[in-house]
Amino acid sequence: MKTGIHPENYRPVVFKDMSNDDTFITRSTINAKETIEIGGVTYPLVKIEISNTSHPFYTGKQKLVDTAGRVDKFMSRYGNRNKK
């Protein structure tokens, strides 16, 4: 392995899933602007939109998308533009 190419500032960081408020602590070098206190210890906080606790692949729950409704809505708005 090459020396001097890996960052030296690994520290515990809290990642918070904003869709279900789940948090987990891991080591990272990411810069965080916010902090959070967990168990009397203050950690840098990084907010994320999706994690393994909210992603449909891991949870087994999928959101159904109404594609037929979208097509009907599109056709009602833009479908008759060429007809005069």
N, C-alpha and C. Protein backbone atom coordinates (compact mmCIF):
# COMPACT_ATOMS: atom_id res chain seq x y z
N MET A 1 0.83 -1.18 0.00
CA MET A 1 0.00 0.00 0.00
C MET A 1 0.87 1.24 0.00
N LYS A 2 0.42 2.27 -0.69
CA LYS A 2 1.16 3.52 -0.72
C LYS A 2 0.97 4.25 0.61
N THR A 3 2.01 4.91 1.04
CA THR A 3 1.92 5.67 2.28
C THR A 3 1.56 7.12 1.96
N GLY A 4 0.82 7.74 2.86
CA GLY A 4 0.49 9.15 2.74
C GLY A 4 -0.68 9.47 1.83
N ILE A 5 -1.42 8.47 1.33
CA ILE A 5 -2.55 8.77 0.45
C ILE A 5 -3.90 8.65 1.15
N HIS A 6 -3.92 8.08 2.35
CA HIS A 6 -5.17 7.90 3.08
C HIS A 6 -5.37 9.03 4.07
N PRO A 7 -6.61 9.52 4.22
CA PRO A 7 -6.85 10.61 5.18
C PRO A 7 -6.60 10.15 6.61
N GLU A 8 -6.19 11.09 7.42
CA GLU A 8 -5.85 10.79 8.81
C GLU A 8 -6.95 11.21 9.79
N ASN A 9 -7.96 11.95 9.31
CA ASN A 9 -8.94 12.53 10.23
C ASN A 9 -10.23 11.72 10.34
N TYR A 10 -10.13 10.40 10.44
CA TYR A 10 -11.31 9.58 10.69
C TYR A 10 -11.79 9.83 12.10
N ARG A 11 -13.12 9.99 12.26
CA ARG A 11 -13.72 10.22 13.56
C ARG A 11 -15.15 9.69 13.52
N PRO A 12 -15.77 9.46 14.67
CA PRO A 12 -17.17 9.03 14.68
C PRO A 12 -18.08 10.15 14.18
N VAL A 13 -18.99 9.80 13.29
CA VAL A 13 -19.94 10.75 12.71
C VAL A 13 -21.32 10.10 12.75
N VAL A 14 -22.35 10.90 13.05
CA VAL A 14 -23.74 10.41 13.06
C VAL A 14 -24.37 10.73 11.71
N PHE A 15 -24.95 9.72 11.08
CA PHE A 15 -25.72 9.89 9.86
C PHE A 15 -27.18 9.72 10.23
N LYS A 16 -28.02 10.68 9.81
CA LYS A 16 -29.45 10.64 10.15
C LYS A 16 -30.27 10.55 8.88
N ASP A 17 -31.09 9.52 8.79
CA ASP A 17 -32.01 9.33 7.67
C ASP A 17 -33.21 10.23 7.91
N MET A 18 -33.42 11.20 7.03
CA MET A 18 -34.47 12.20 7.23
C MET A 18 -35.87 11.65 6.93
N SER A 19 -35.98 10.54 6.24
CA SER A 19 -37.30 10.01 5.92
C SER A 19 -37.92 9.25 7.09
N ASN A 20 -37.09 8.68 7.98
CA ASN A 20 -37.65 7.95 9.11
C ASN A 20 -36.94 8.26 10.44
N ASP A 21 -36.08 9.27 10.46
CA ASP A 21 -35.37 9.73 11.66
C ASP A 21 -34.50 8.66 12.30
N ASP A 22 -34.05 7.68 11.54
CA ASP A 22 -33.13 6.67 12.04
C ASP A 22 -31.72 7.25 12.03
N THR A 23 -30.93 6.98 13.07
CA THR A 23 -29.56 7.46 13.14
C THR A 23 -28.62 6.29 13.33
N PHE A 24 -27.41 6.44 12.81
CA PHE A 24 -26.37 5.46 13.07
C PHE A 24 -25.02 6.17 13.10
N ILE A 25 -24.11 5.61 13.89
CA ILE A 25 -22.79 6.20 14.07
C ILE A 25 -21.78 5.33 13.35
N THR A 26 -20.93 5.98 12.58
CA THR A 26 -19.86 5.28 11.89
C THR A 26 -18.66 6.21 11.80
N ARG A 27 -17.53 5.68 11.42
CA ARG A 27 -16.34 6.51 11.27
C ARG A 27 -16.30 7.08 9.85
N SER A 28 -15.97 8.36 9.75
CA SER A 28 -15.95 9.02 8.46
C SER A 28 -15.02 10.23 8.51
N THR A 29 -14.69 10.74 7.32
CA THR A 29 -13.90 11.97 7.21
C THR A 29 -14.74 13.12 6.67
N ILE A 30 -16.03 12.91 6.49
CA ILE A 30 -16.91 13.92 5.89
C ILE A 30 -16.99 15.16 6.78
N ASN A 31 -17.04 16.32 6.15
CA ASN A 31 -17.20 17.57 6.89
C ASN A 31 -18.68 17.79 7.17
N ALA A 32 -19.01 18.10 8.42
CA ALA A 32 -20.40 18.31 8.81
C ALA A 32 -20.54 19.69 9.43
N LYS A 33 -21.65 20.36 9.12
CA LYS A 33 -21.91 21.70 9.65
C LYS A 33 -22.71 21.66 10.95
N GLU A 34 -23.42 20.57 11.18
CA GLU A 34 -24.28 20.46 12.36
C GLU A 34 -23.71 19.41 13.31
N THR A 35 -24.16 19.47 14.57
CA THR A 35 -23.76 18.47 15.56
C THR A 35 -25.01 17.94 16.25
N ILE A 36 -24.86 16.78 16.88
CA ILE A 36 -25.95 16.16 17.63
C ILE A 36 -25.34 15.50 18.86
N GLU A 37 -26.11 15.48 19.94
CA GLU A 37 -25.64 14.84 21.17
C GLU A 37 -26.37 13.52 21.37
N ILE A 38 -25.60 12.46 21.48
CA ILE A 38 -26.15 11.12 21.70
C ILE A 38 -25.39 10.50 22.87
N GLY A 39 -26.11 10.14 23.90
CA GLY A 39 -25.50 9.51 25.06
C GLY A 39 -24.50 10.42 25.77
N GLY A 40 -24.72 11.72 25.73
CA GLY A 40 -23.83 12.66 26.40
C GLY A 40 -22.58 13.02 25.61
N VAL A 41 -22.46 12.49 24.40
CA VAL A 41 -21.31 12.78 23.54
C VAL A 41 -21.80 13.55 22.32
N THR A 42 -21.08 14.60 21.94
CA THR A 42 -21.44 15.40 20.78
C THR A 42 -20.71 14.89 19.56
N TYR A 43 -21.47 14.62 18.50
CA TYR A 43 -20.93 14.11 17.25
C TYR A 43 -21.27 15.05 16.10
N PRO A 44 -20.47 15.08 15.03
CA PRO A 44 -20.89 15.78 13.81
C PRO A 44 -22.10 15.06 13.21
N LEU A 45 -23.04 15.82 12.63
CA LEU A 45 -24.27 15.25 12.08
C LEU A 45 -24.32 15.47 10.58
N VAL A 46 -24.59 14.38 9.85
CA VAL A 46 -24.78 14.44 8.40
C VAL A 46 -26.18 13.91 8.12
N LYS A 47 -27.00 14.74 7.46
CA LYS A 47 -28.37 14.34 7.13
C LYS A 47 -28.40 13.73 5.74
N ILE A 48 -29.04 12.56 5.63
CA ILE A 48 -29.15 11.87 4.35
C ILE A 48 -30.63 11.64 4.04
N GLU A 49 -30.95 11.53 2.77
CA GLU A 49 -32.34 11.36 2.34
C GLU A 49 -32.81 9.91 2.43
N ILE A 50 -31.90 8.97 2.21
CA ILE A 50 -32.31 7.56 2.19
C ILE A 50 -31.16 6.71 2.70
N SER A 51 -31.50 5.66 3.43
CA SER A 51 -30.50 4.73 3.94
C SER A 51 -31.06 3.32 3.83
N ASN A 52 -30.35 2.37 4.40
CA ASN A 52 -30.82 0.99 4.32
C ASN A 52 -32.10 0.77 5.12
N THR A 53 -32.41 1.67 6.05
CA THR A 53 -33.65 1.51 6.84
C THR A 53 -34.87 2.08 6.15
N SER A 54 -34.68 2.81 5.05
CA SER A 54 -35.83 3.37 4.36
C SER A 54 -35.85 3.04 2.87
N HIS A 55 -34.81 2.44 2.34
CA HIS A 55 -34.77 2.10 0.91
C HIS A 55 -35.66 0.90 0.62
N PRO A 56 -36.48 0.96 -0.43
CA PRO A 56 -37.40 -0.14 -0.73
C PRO A 56 -36.71 -1.49 -0.96
N PHE A 57 -35.50 -1.50 -1.45
CA PHE A 57 -34.80 -2.76 -1.68
C PHE A 57 -34.56 -3.50 -0.36
N TYR A 58 -34.19 -2.77 0.69
CA TYR A 58 -33.89 -3.39 1.98
C TYR A 58 -35.13 -3.60 2.83
N THR A 59 -36.13 -2.74 2.69
CA THR A 59 -37.32 -2.86 3.54
C THR A 59 -38.36 -3.80 2.95
N GLY A 60 -38.33 -4.02 1.65
CA GLY A 60 -39.31 -4.87 1.00
C GLY A 60 -40.61 -4.17 0.71
N LYS A 61 -40.70 -2.89 1.02
CA LYS A 61 -41.90 -2.12 0.77
C LYS A 61 -41.64 -1.20 -0.41
N GLN A 62 -42.49 -1.27 -1.41
CA GLN A 62 -42.32 -0.43 -2.58
C GLN A 62 -43.46 0.56 -2.67
N LYS A 63 -43.14 1.74 -3.16
CA LYS A 63 -44.17 2.74 -3.40
C LYS A 63 -44.70 2.54 -4.80
N LEU A 64 -46.01 2.41 -4.92
CA LEU A 64 -46.61 2.24 -6.22
C LEU A 64 -46.77 3.58 -6.91
N VAL A 65 -46.39 3.63 -8.16
CA VAL A 65 -46.49 4.86 -8.94
C VAL A 65 -47.67 4.70 -9.90
N ASP A 66 -48.56 5.66 -9.90
CA ASP A 66 -49.74 5.63 -10.74
C ASP A 66 -49.37 6.16 -12.13
N THR A 67 -48.82 5.28 -12.97
CA THR A 67 -48.39 5.72 -14.30
C THR A 67 -49.58 5.99 -15.21
N ALA A 68 -50.65 5.25 -15.06
CA ALA A 68 -51.83 5.48 -15.91
C ALA A 68 -52.42 6.85 -15.62
N GLY A 69 -52.46 7.23 -14.37
CA GLY A 69 -52.96 8.55 -14.01
C GLY A 69 -52.08 9.65 -14.56
N ARG A 70 -50.78 9.41 -14.60
CA ARG A 70 -49.85 10.40 -15.14
C ARG A 70 -50.06 10.57 -16.64
N VAL A 71 -50.27 9.46 -17.33
CA VAL A 71 -50.48 9.53 -18.78
C VAL A 71 -51.78 10.27 -19.08
N ASP A 72 -52.84 9.96 -18.36
CA ASP A 72 -54.11 10.65 -18.56
C ASP A 72 -53.99 12.14 -18.28
N LYS A 73 -53.26 12.48 -17.24
CA LYS A 73 -53.07 13.88 -16.91
C LYS A 73 -52.29 14.60 -18.02
N PHE A 74 -51.24 13.94 -18.54
CA PHE A 74 -50.47 14.51 -19.63
C PHE A 74 -51.33 14.71 -20.87
N MET A 75 -52.10 13.69 -21.22
CA MET A 75 -52.94 13.77 -22.42
C MET A 75 -54.01 14.85 -22.27
N SER A 76 -54.55 15.02 -21.08
CA SER A 76 -55.56 16.06 -20.90
C SER A 76 -54.94 17.45 -21.02
N ARG A 77 -53.70 17.59 -20.64
CA ARG A 77 -53.04 18.89 -20.75
C ARG A 77 -52.51 19.16 -22.16
N TYR A 78 -51.77 18.18 -22.70
CA TYR A 78 -51.01 18.44 -23.93
C TYR A 78 -51.42 17.58 -25.12
N GLY A 79 -52.32 16.66 -24.95
CA GLY A 79 -52.68 15.71 -26.00
C GLY A 79 -53.41 16.33 -27.16
N ASN A 80 -54.19 17.36 -26.95
CA ASN A 80 -55.02 17.94 -28.00
C ASN A 80 -54.45 19.24 -28.56
N ARG A 81 -53.18 19.45 -28.46
CA ARG A 81 -52.58 20.70 -28.93
C ARG A 81 -52.57 20.80 -30.45
N ASN A 82 -52.36 19.71 -31.15
CA ASN A 82 -52.28 19.75 -32.61
C ASN A 82 -53.65 19.74 -33.27
N LYS A 83 -54.69 19.36 -32.54
CA LYS A 83 -56.03 19.32 -33.10
C LYS A 83 -56.69 20.67 -32.97
N LYS A 84 -57.13 21.26 -34.08
CA LYS A 84 -57.81 22.56 -34.06
C LYS A 84 -59.00 22.56 -34.95
